[in-house]
Amino acid sequence: MIGRLSGTLAEKTPPQILIDVNGVGYEVDVPMSSFYNLPALGERVTLLTHFVVREDAQLLYGFLTAEERATFRQLIRITGVGARTALSILSGLSVNDLAQAVSAQQAGRLIKVPGIGKKTAERLLLELKGKLGPDLALPGAVVQSDAQADIVQALVALGYNEKEAGAALKNLPKDVGVSEGIKLALKALG
């Protein structure tokens, strides 16, 4: 029913915002990825929305990009994944990171998201495989082999974030082994 809202940003209380559209205030839940990119209070904002009608509530979810909304809609189709869990996933992983995790079948990246356990992560990987599409993944995705995936996971386990691990991985030879790759990546990051 409600596909888009344009109005003045009246309130920001994570993860909810209030948009004033010609005197009517709409409460909209947004993922943190969208929340951090919102303009200041009192400025104009346009969000793509997903409207949910339940027996006990009518809820509005907002997104700054069409890719986020499409991914949210894919996520809520999965058994056991509700709107709150989908928002949590999109708050913890960008659309591209999620697409990379699914294409590389990396349950470990999904388990790091609050509220996602091992079984849910495995279900997500199974159900999303081939559904996020190559257009949502970064061209020439960073992780291209099992060894590279293991190197990234090791760096993340050592406390580096995904961006740092990905940047270190770009400078490694494509055919490097896991242990040698970790050593080289640590030198590059150090």
C-alpha atoms as a PDB file:
ATOM      1  CA  MET A   1       0.000   0.000   0.000  1.00  0.00           C
ATOM      2  CA  ILE A   2       2.595   2.567   1.051  1.00  0.00           C
ATOM      3  CA  GLY A   3       5.614   2.235  -1.245  1.00  0.00           C
ATOM      4  CA  ARG A   4       7.436   5.504  -0.633  1.00  0.00           C
ATOM      5  CA  LEU A   5       7.436   8.390   1.817  1.00  0.00           C
ATOM      6  CA  SER A   6       8.776  11.887   1.248  1.00  0.00           C
ATOM      7  CA  GLY A   7       8.700  14.413   4.020  1.00  0.00           C
ATOM      8  CA  THR A   8      10.573  16.128   6.813  1.00  0.00           C
ATOM      9  CA  LEU A   9      12.635  14.088   9.225  1.00  0.00           C
ATOM     10  CA  ALA A  10      11.054  14.939  12.592  1.00  0.00           C
ATOM     11  CA  GLU A  11      12.633  12.432  15.015  1.00  0.00           C
ATOM     12  CA  LYS A  12      15.480   9.919  15.032  1.00  0.00           C
ATOM     13  CA  THR A  13      15.498   7.231  17.733  1.00  0.00           C
ATOM     14  CA  PRO A  14      17.351   4.120  16.502  1.00  0.00           C
ATOM     15  CA  PRO A  15      16.038   2.084  14.801  1.00  0.00           C
ATOM     16  CA  GLN A  16      12.874   4.164  14.420  1.00  0.00           C
ATOM     17  CA  ILE A  17      12.363   7.526  12.767  1.00  0.00           C
ATOM     18  CA  LEU A  18       9.386   9.843  12.405  1.00  0.00           C
ATOM     19  CA  ILE A  19       8.692  11.424   9.033  1.00  0.00           C
ATOM     20  CA  ASP A  20       6.288  14.357   8.841  1.00  0.00           C
ATOM     21  CA  VAL A  21       4.411  14.148   5.542  1.00  0.00           C
ATOM     22  CA  ASN A  22       2.185  17.223   5.254  1.00  0.00           C
ATOM     23  CA  GLY A  23       1.272  17.159   8.937  1.00  0.00           C
ATOM     24  CA  VAL A  24       0.946  13.390   9.302  1.00  0.00           C
ATOM     25  CA  GLY A  25       3.759  11.688  11.216  1.00  0.00           C
ATOM     26  CA  TYR A  26       4.761   8.225  10.026  1.00  0.00           C
ATOM     27  CA  GLU A  27       6.778   6.009  12.369  1.00  0.00           C
ATOM     28  CA  VAL A  28       9.216   4.011  10.246  1.00  0.00           C
ATOM     29  CA  ASP A  29      11.669   1.330  11.342  1.00  0.00           C
ATOM     30  CA  VAL A  30      14.908   1.439   9.350  1.00  0.00           C
ATOM     31  CA  PRO A  31      18.050  -0.709   9.317  1.00  0.00           C
ATOM     32  CA  MET A  32      21.095   0.959  10.846  1.00  0.00           C
ATOM     33  CA  SER A  33      22.726   1.115   7.397  1.00  0.00           C
ATOM     34  CA  SER A  34      19.975   3.525   6.328  1.00  0.00           C
ATOM     35  CA  PHE A  35      19.787   5.232   9.724  1.00  0.00           C
ATOM     36  CA  TYR A  36      23.433   6.354   9.602  1.00  0.00           C
ATOM     37  CA  ASN A  37      22.915   7.893   6.151  1.00  0.00           C
ATOM     38  CA  LEU A  38      19.824   9.935   7.028  1.00  0.00           C
ATOM     39  CA  PRO A  39      19.952  13.721   6.796  1.00  0.00           C
ATOM     40  CA  ALA A  40      19.764  15.957   9.874  1.00  0.00           C
ATOM     41  CA  LEU A  41      16.488  16.582  11.721  1.00  0.00           C
ATOM     42  CA  GLY A  42      14.261  19.068   9.928  1.00  0.00           C
ATOM     43  CA  GLU A  43      15.589  18.167   6.467  1.00  0.00           C
ATOM     44  CA  ARG A  44      13.720  16.453   3.640  1.00  0.00           C
ATOM     45  CA  VAL A  45      14.015  12.699   3.306  1.00  0.00           C
ATOM     46  CA  THR A  46      12.633  10.118   0.887  1.00  0.00           C
ATOM     47  CA  LEU A  47      12.416   6.454   1.832  1.00  0.00           C
ATOM     48  CA  LEU A  48      11.231   3.400  -0.046  1.00  0.00           C
ATOM     49  CA  THR A  49       8.937   1.492   2.280  1.00  0.00           C
ATOM     50  CA  HIS A  50       7.518  -1.931   3.009  1.00  0.00           C
ATOM     51  CA  PHE A  51       4.131  -1.931   4.746  1.00  0.00           C
ATOM     52  CA  VAL A  52       3.148  -4.864   6.979  1.00  0.00           C
ATOM     53  CA  VAL A  53      -0.371  -5.393   8.312  1.00  0.00           C
ATOM     54  CA  ARG A  54      -0.691  -7.875  11.154  1.00  0.00           C
ATOM     55  CA  GLU A  55      -3.567  -8.738  13.422  1.00  0.00           C
ATOM     56  CA  ASP A  56      -2.109  -6.636  16.224  1.00  0.00           C
ATOM     57  CA  ALA A  57      -0.182  -3.925  14.349  1.00  0.00           C
ATOM     58  CA  GLN A  58       0.469  -2.012  11.156  1.00  0.00           C
ATOM     59  CA  LEU A  59       4.194  -1.528  10.626  1.00  0.00           C
ATOM     60  CA  LEU A  60       6.214   0.505   8.167  1.00  0.00           C
ATOM     61  CA  TYR A  61       9.819  -0.313   7.283  1.00  0.00           C
ATOM     62  CA  GLY A  62      11.942   2.172   5.351  1.00  0.00           C
ATOM     63  CA  PHE A  63      15.049   1.937   3.170  1.00  0.00           C
ATOM     64  CA  LEU A  64      17.240   4.453   1.386  1.00  0.00           C
ATOM     65  CA  THR A  65      17.965   2.114  -1.553  1.00  0.00           C
ATOM     66  CA  ALA A  66      15.908  -0.225  -3.698  1.00  0.00           C
ATOM     67  CA  GLU A  67      18.523  -2.959  -3.150  1.00  0.00           C
ATOM     68  CA  GLU A  68      18.004  -2.825   0.618  1.00  0.00           C
ATOM     69  CA  ARG A  69      14.235  -3.081   0.248  1.00  0.00           C
ATOM     70  CA  ALA A  70      14.494  -5.958  -2.246  1.00  0.00           C
ATOM     71  CA  THR A  71      16.871  -7.818   0.068  1.00  0.00           C
ATOM     72  CA  PHE A  72      14.572  -7.183   3.050  1.00  0.00           C
ATOM     73  CA  ARG A  73      11.690  -8.665   1.059  1.00  0.00           C
ATOM     74  CA  GLN A  74      13.791 -11.727   0.172  1.00  0.00           C
ATOM     75  CA  LEU A  75      14.741 -12.188   3.819  1.00  0.00           C
ATOM     76  CA  ILE A  76      11.196 -12.053   5.223  1.00  0.00           C
ATOM     77  CA  ARG A  77      10.094 -14.775   2.786  1.00  0.00           C
ATOM     78  CA  ILE A  78      12.363 -17.226   4.600  1.00  0.00           C
ATOM     79  CA  THR A  79      10.706 -19.360   7.276  1.00  0.00           C
ATOM     80  CA  GLY A  80      11.746 -18.208  10.732  1.00  0.00           C
ATOM     81  CA  VAL A  81      12.983 -14.797   9.572  1.00  0.00           C
ATOM     82  CA  GLY A  82      10.651 -11.991  10.528  1.00  0.00           C
ATOM     83  CA  ALA A  83      10.897  -8.292   9.849  1.00  0.00           C
ATOM     84  CA  ARG A  84      12.920  -7.593  13.033  1.00  0.00           C
ATOM     85  CA  THR A  85      15.452 -10.284  12.148  1.00  0.00           C
ATOM     86  CA  ALA A  86      15.674  -9.016   8.564  1.00  0.00           C
ATOM     87  CA  LEU A  87      16.341  -5.478   9.868  1.00  0.00           C
ATOM     88  CA  SER A  88      18.998  -6.876  12.185  1.00  0.00           C
ATOM     89  CA  ILE A  89      20.693  -8.646   9.263  1.00  0.00           C
ATOM     90  CA  LEU A  90      20.659  -5.484   7.145  1.00  0.00           C
ATOM     91  CA  SER A  91      21.973  -3.507  10.121  1.00  0.00           C
ATOM     92  CA  GLY A  92      24.864  -5.922  10.595  1.00  0.00           C
ATOM     93  CA  LEU A  93      25.754  -6.554   6.946  1.00  0.00           C
ATOM     94  CA  SER A  94      25.498  -4.388   3.850  1.00  0.00           C
ATOM     95  CA  VAL A  95      23.571  -5.838   0.908  1.00  0.00           C
ATOM     96  CA  ASN A  96      26.867  -6.519  -0.880  1.00  0.00           C
ATOM     97  CA  ASP A  97      28.392  -8.191   2.198  1.00  0.00           C
ATOM     98  CA  LEU A  98      25.309 -10.402   2.530  1.00  0.00           C
ATOM     99  CA  ALA A  99      25.466 -11.326  -1.166  1.00  0.00           C
ATOM    100  CA  GLN A 100      29.158 -12.183  -0.816  1.00  0.00           C
ATOM    101  CA  ALA A 101      28.524 -14.280   2.299  1.00  0.00           C
ATOM    102  CA  VAL A 102      25.760 -16.190   0.511  1.00  0.00           C
ATOM    103  CA  SER A 103      27.782 -16.768  -2.676  1.00  0.00           C
ATOM    104  CA  ALA A 104      30.809 -17.922  -0.632  1.00  0.00           C
ATOM    105  CA  GLN A 105      28.532 -19.906   1.754  1.00  0.00           C
ATOM    106  CA  GLN A 106      30.061 -18.236   4.835  1.00  0.00           C
ATOM    107  CA  ALA A 107      27.761 -18.970   7.755  1.00  0.00           C
ATOM    108  CA  GLY A 108      30.317 -17.420  10.125  1.00  0.00           C
ATOM    109  CA  ARG A 109      29.637 -13.941   8.775  1.00  0.00           C
ATOM    110  CA  LEU A 110      25.904 -14.341   9.397  1.00  0.00           C
ATOM    111  CA  ILE A 111      26.312 -15.768  12.910  1.00  0.00           C
ATOM    112  CA  LYS A 112      27.988 -12.496  13.963  1.00  0.00           C
ATOM    113  CA  VAL A 113      24.665 -10.704  13.462  1.00  0.00           C
ATOM    114  CA  PRO A 114      22.732 -10.492  16.772  1.00  0.00           C
ATOM    115  CA  GLY A 115      19.817 -12.921  16.796  1.00  0.00           C
ATOM    116  CA  ILE A 116      21.239 -15.222  14.104  1.00  0.00           C
ATOM    117  CA  GLY A 117      22.279 -18.660  15.259  1.00  0.00           C
ATOM    118  CA  LYS A 118      23.970 -21.455  13.358  1.00  0.00           C
ATOM    119  CA  LYS A 119      20.751 -23.077  12.118  1.00  0.00           C
ATOM    120  CA  THR A 120      19.245 -19.786  10.956  1.00  0.00           C
ATOM    121  CA  ALA A 121      22.513 -18.848   9.219  1.00  0.00           C
ATOM    122  CA  GLU A 122      22.557 -22.173   7.377  1.00  0.00           C
ATOM    123  CA  ARG A 123      18.906 -21.743   6.382  1.00  0.00           C
ATOM    124  CA  LEU A 124      19.652 -18.232   5.093  1.00  0.00           C
ATOM    125  CA  LEU A 125      22.576 -19.495   3.011  1.00  0.00           C
ATOM    126  CA  LEU A 126      20.450 -22.272   1.551  1.00  0.00           C
ATOM    127  CA  GLU A 127      17.360 -20.178   0.832  1.00  0.00           C
ATOM    128  CA  LEU A 128      19.155 -17.084  -0.485  1.00  0.00           C
ATOM    129  CA  LYS A 129      21.539 -18.936  -2.783  1.00  0.00           C
ATOM    130  CA  GLY A 130      20.989 -17.560  -6.282  1.00  0.00           C
ATOM    131  CA  LYS A 131      18.270 -15.140  -5.140  1.00  0.00           C
ATOM    132  CA  LEU A 132      20.348 -12.066  -4.340  1.00  0.00           C
ATOM    133  CA  GLY A 133      21.591 -12.032  -7.901  1.00  0.00           C
ATOM    134  CA  PRO A 134      24.935 -11.091  -9.354  1.00  0.00           C
ATOM    135  CA  ASP A 135      23.789  -7.483  -9.720  1.00  0.00           C
ATOM    136  CA  LEU A 136      23.707  -7.150  -5.916  1.00  0.00           C
ATOM    137  CA  ALA A 137      27.184  -8.587  -5.363  1.00  0.00           C
ATOM    138  CA  LEU A 138      30.207  -6.415  -5.910  1.00  0.00           C
ATOM    139  CA  PRO A 139      31.810  -7.029  -9.294  1.00  0.00           C
ATOM    140  CA  GLY A 140      34.926  -9.140  -8.790  1.00  0.00           C
ATOM    141  CA  ALA A 141      33.968  -9.961  -5.205  1.00  0.00           C
ATOM    142  CA  VAL A 142      36.894  -9.993  -2.827  1.00  0.00           C
ATOM    143  CA  VAL A 143      36.521 -13.605  -1.682  1.00  0.00           C
ATOM    144  CA  GLN A 144      37.066 -15.913  -4.672  1.00  0.00           C
ATOM    145  CA  SER A 145      38.253 -19.218  -3.188  1.00  0.00           C
ATOM    146  CA  ASP A 146      37.984 -21.315  -0.042  1.00  0.00           C
ATOM    147  CA  ALA A 147      41.533 -20.331   0.955  1.00  0.00           C
ATOM    148  CA  GLN A 148      40.722 -16.637   0.609  1.00  0.00           C
ATOM    149  CA  ALA A 149      37.504 -17.101   2.602  1.00  0.00           C
ATOM    150  CA  ASP A 150      39.512 -18.817   5.358  1.00  0.00           C
ATOM    151  CA  ILE A 151      42.059 -15.987   5.366  1.00  0.00           C
ATOM    152  CA  VAL A 152      39.304 -13.379   5.743  1.00  0.00           C
ATOM    153  CA  GLN A 153      37.644 -15.359   8.559  1.00  0.00           C
ATOM    154  CA  ALA A 154      40.985 -15.681  10.366  1.00  0.00           C
ATOM    155  CA  LEU A 155      41.638 -11.929  10.114  1.00  0.00           C
ATOM    156  CA  VAL A 156      38.140 -11.139  11.381  1.00  0.00           C
ATOM    157  CA  ALA A 157      38.653 -13.579  14.267  1.00  0.00           C
ATOM    158  CA  LEU A 158      41.853 -11.696  15.109  1.00  0.00           C
ATOM    159  CA  GLY A 159      39.890  -8.454  15.450  1.00  0.00           C
ATOM    160  CA  TYR A 160      40.145  -6.846  12.014  1.00  0.00           C
ATOM    161  CA  ASN A 161      36.939  -5.686  10.346  1.00  0.00           C
ATOM    162  CA  GLU A 162      35.665  -6.964   6.983  1.00  0.00           C
ATOM    163  CA  LYS A 163      36.985  -3.935   5.067  1.00  0.00           C
ATOM    164  CA  GLU A 164      40.493  -4.255   6.490  1.00  0.00           C
ATOM    165  CA  ALA A 165      40.547  -8.001   5.802  1.00  0.00           C
ATOM    166  CA  GLY A 166      39.276  -7.460   2.257  1.00  0.00           C
ATOM    167  CA  ALA A 167      41.867  -4.762   1.593  1.00  0.00           C
ATOM    168  CA  ALA A 168      44.673  -7.036   2.827  1.00  0.00           C
ATOM    169  CA  LEU A 169      43.335  -9.886   0.676  1.00  0.00           C
ATOM    170  CA  LYS A 170      43.491  -7.782  -2.502  1.00  0.00           C
ATOM    171  CA  ASN A 171      47.279  -7.525  -2.201  1.00  0.00           C
ATOM    172  CA  LEU A 172      47.839 -11.282  -1.877  1.00  0.00           C
ATOM    173  CA  PRO A 173      48.664 -13.643  -4.751  1.00  0.00           C
ATOM    174  CA  LYS A 174      45.529 -15.455  -5.951  1.00  0.00           C
ATOM    175  CA  ASP A 175      46.981 -18.938  -5.378  1.00  0.00           C
ATOM    176  CA  VAL A 176      48.349 -18.315  -1.861  1.00  0.00           C
ATOM    177  CA  GLY A 177      47.780 -20.956   0.831  1.00  0.00           C
ATOM    178  CA  VAL A 178      45.835 -20.204   4.002  1.00  0.00           C
ATOM    179  CA  SER A 179      48.708 -20.062   6.504  1.00  0.00           C
ATOM    180  CA  GLU A 180      51.021 -18.128   4.168  1.00  0.00           C
ATOM    181  CA  GLY A 181      48.144 -15.812   3.220  1.00  0.00           C
ATOM    182  CA  ILE A 182      47.401 -15.031   6.880  1.00  0.00           C
ATOM    183  CA  LYS A 183      51.074 -14.238   7.497  1.00  0.00           C
ATOM    184  CA  LEU A 184      51.277 -11.940   4.450  1.00  0.00           C
ATOM    185  CA  ALA A 185      47.963 -10.256   5.311  1.00  0.00           C
ATOM    186  CA  LEU A 186      49.084  -9.611   8.903  1.00  0.00           C
ATOM    187  CA  LYS A 187      52.324  -8.056   7.623  1.00  0.00           C
ATOM    188  CA  ALA A 188      50.333  -5.829   5.262  1.00  0.00           C
ATOM    189  CA  LEU A 189      47.949  -4.799   8.044  1.00  0.00           C
ATOM    190  CA  GLY A 190      50.753  -4.261  10.554  1.00  0.00           C
END
